[in-house]
Amino acid sequence: MPLPEAPTRRPNNPASRQADHKANNDVLIKGILCILIGLGVVVSPYFITSPGMQGIVANTAVVGWFSLVLGCGFIGVYIKRRMAASKKP
């Protein structure tokens, strides 16, 4: 006797909906924090007065840009999830 097929849909109960909502909010928070950190790293060399510290922070610009791109990716995933959730009946 063959085994039954695996379920293709998640259960529709309050606990699973709440877990989905929390996961979406976590992605949004991660995206916002990554964007803020990236902006801080990229923009801060223009406001630092010490030349030595300004050089150190300017050398980390790649990390700041990576953080900005990562944050935008998280925000994109959040928007994609929200749009997919609104299309469901």
Protein backbone atom coordinates (compact mmCIF):
# COMPACT_ATOMS: atom_id res chain seq x y z
CA MET A 1 0.00 0.00 0.00
CA PRO A 2 1.60 3.33 -1.04
CA LEU A 3 1.96 6.24 1.34
CA PRO A 4 -0.36 9.24 0.95
CA GLU A 5 1.00 12.36 -0.68
CA ALA A 6 2.37 15.15 1.48
CA PRO A 7 0.04 18.11 2.10
CA THR A 8 0.53 21.05 -0.23
CA ARG A 9 -1.24 23.71 1.86
CA ARG A 10 -0.50 24.93 5.34
CA PRO A 11 -3.19 24.60 7.99
CA ASN A 12 -5.45 27.63 8.23
CA ASN A 13 -5.57 28.24 11.95
CA PRO A 14 -4.79 31.29 14.10
CA ALA A 15 -1.44 29.93 15.29
CA SER A 16 -0.05 29.52 11.77
CA ARG A 17 -1.38 32.94 10.69
CA GLN A 18 0.23 34.56 13.71
CA ALA A 19 3.55 32.83 12.97
CA ASP A 20 3.41 34.08 9.36
CA HIS A 21 2.65 37.62 10.55
CA LYS A 22 5.55 37.53 13.03
CA ALA A 23 7.94 36.21 10.37
CA ASN A 24 6.92 39.00 8.00
CA ASN A 25 7.44 41.63 10.68
CA ASP A 26 10.87 40.18 11.50
CA VAL A 27 11.90 40.47 7.85
CA LEU A 28 10.69 44.08 7.77
CA ILE A 29 12.61 44.98 10.94
CA LYS A 30 15.79 43.33 9.63
CA GLY A 31 15.46 45.25 6.38
CA ILE A 32 15.00 48.61 8.09
CA LEU A 33 17.92 48.00 10.47
CA CYS A 34 20.24 46.92 7.64
CA ILE A 35 19.35 50.02 5.65
CA LEU A 36 19.97 52.28 8.65
CA ILE A 37 23.31 50.64 9.40
CA GLY A 38 24.35 50.84 5.75
CA LEU A 39 23.41 54.51 5.52
CA GLY A 40 25.30 55.20 8.73
CA VAL A 41 28.46 53.56 7.44
CA VAL A 42 28.30 55.14 3.98
CA VAL A 43 27.40 58.69 5.10
CA SER A 44 29.36 58.96 8.37
CA PRO A 45 32.81 59.72 6.85
CA TYR A 46 31.43 63.07 5.67
CA PHE A 47 30.55 64.10 9.24
CA ILE A 48 33.65 62.83 11.10
CA THR A 49 36.19 65.59 11.72
CA SER A 50 39.21 63.44 12.65
CA PRO A 51 41.15 62.53 9.46
CA GLY A 52 42.41 59.25 10.92
CA MET A 53 38.97 58.05 11.96
CA GLN A 54 37.48 59.35 8.72
CA GLY A 55 39.92 57.16 6.76
CA ILE A 56 39.12 54.09 8.84
CA VAL A 57 35.38 54.50 8.36
CA ALA A 58 35.79 55.33 4.66
CA ASN A 59 37.58 52.00 4.15
CA THR A 60 34.46 50.18 5.33
CA ALA A 61 32.26 51.64 2.59
CA VAL A 62 31.93 48.22 0.94
CA VAL A 63 30.34 46.86 4.10
CA GLY A 64 27.92 49.79 4.16
CA TRP A 65 26.87 49.23 0.55
CA PHE A 66 26.44 45.51 1.20
CA SER A 67 24.22 46.32 4.17
CA LEU A 68 22.14 48.69 2.04
CA VAL A 69 21.64 46.07 -0.67
CA LEU A 70 20.82 43.39 1.91
CA GLY A 71 18.29 45.69 3.59
CA CYS A 72 16.64 46.45 0.25
CA GLY A 73 16.46 42.71 -0.40
CA PHE A 74 14.73 42.13 2.94
CA ILE A 75 12.26 44.92 2.22
CA GLY A 76 11.63 43.39 -1.22
CA VAL A 77 10.90 39.99 0.34
CA TYR A 78 8.51 41.65 2.80
CA ILE A 79 6.64 43.43 0.00
CA LYS A 80 6.48 40.23 -2.06
CA ARG A 81 5.04 38.29 0.90
CA ARG A 82 2.47 41.01 1.63
CA MET A 83 1.35 41.12 -1.98
CA ALA A 84 1.06 37.33 -2.12
CA ALA A 85 -0.93 37.30 1.12
CA SER A 86 -3.37 39.91 -0.18
CA LYS A 87 -4.06 37.83 -3.32
CA LYS A 88 -5.13 34.81 -1.29
CA PRO A 89 -8.87 34.54 -0.69
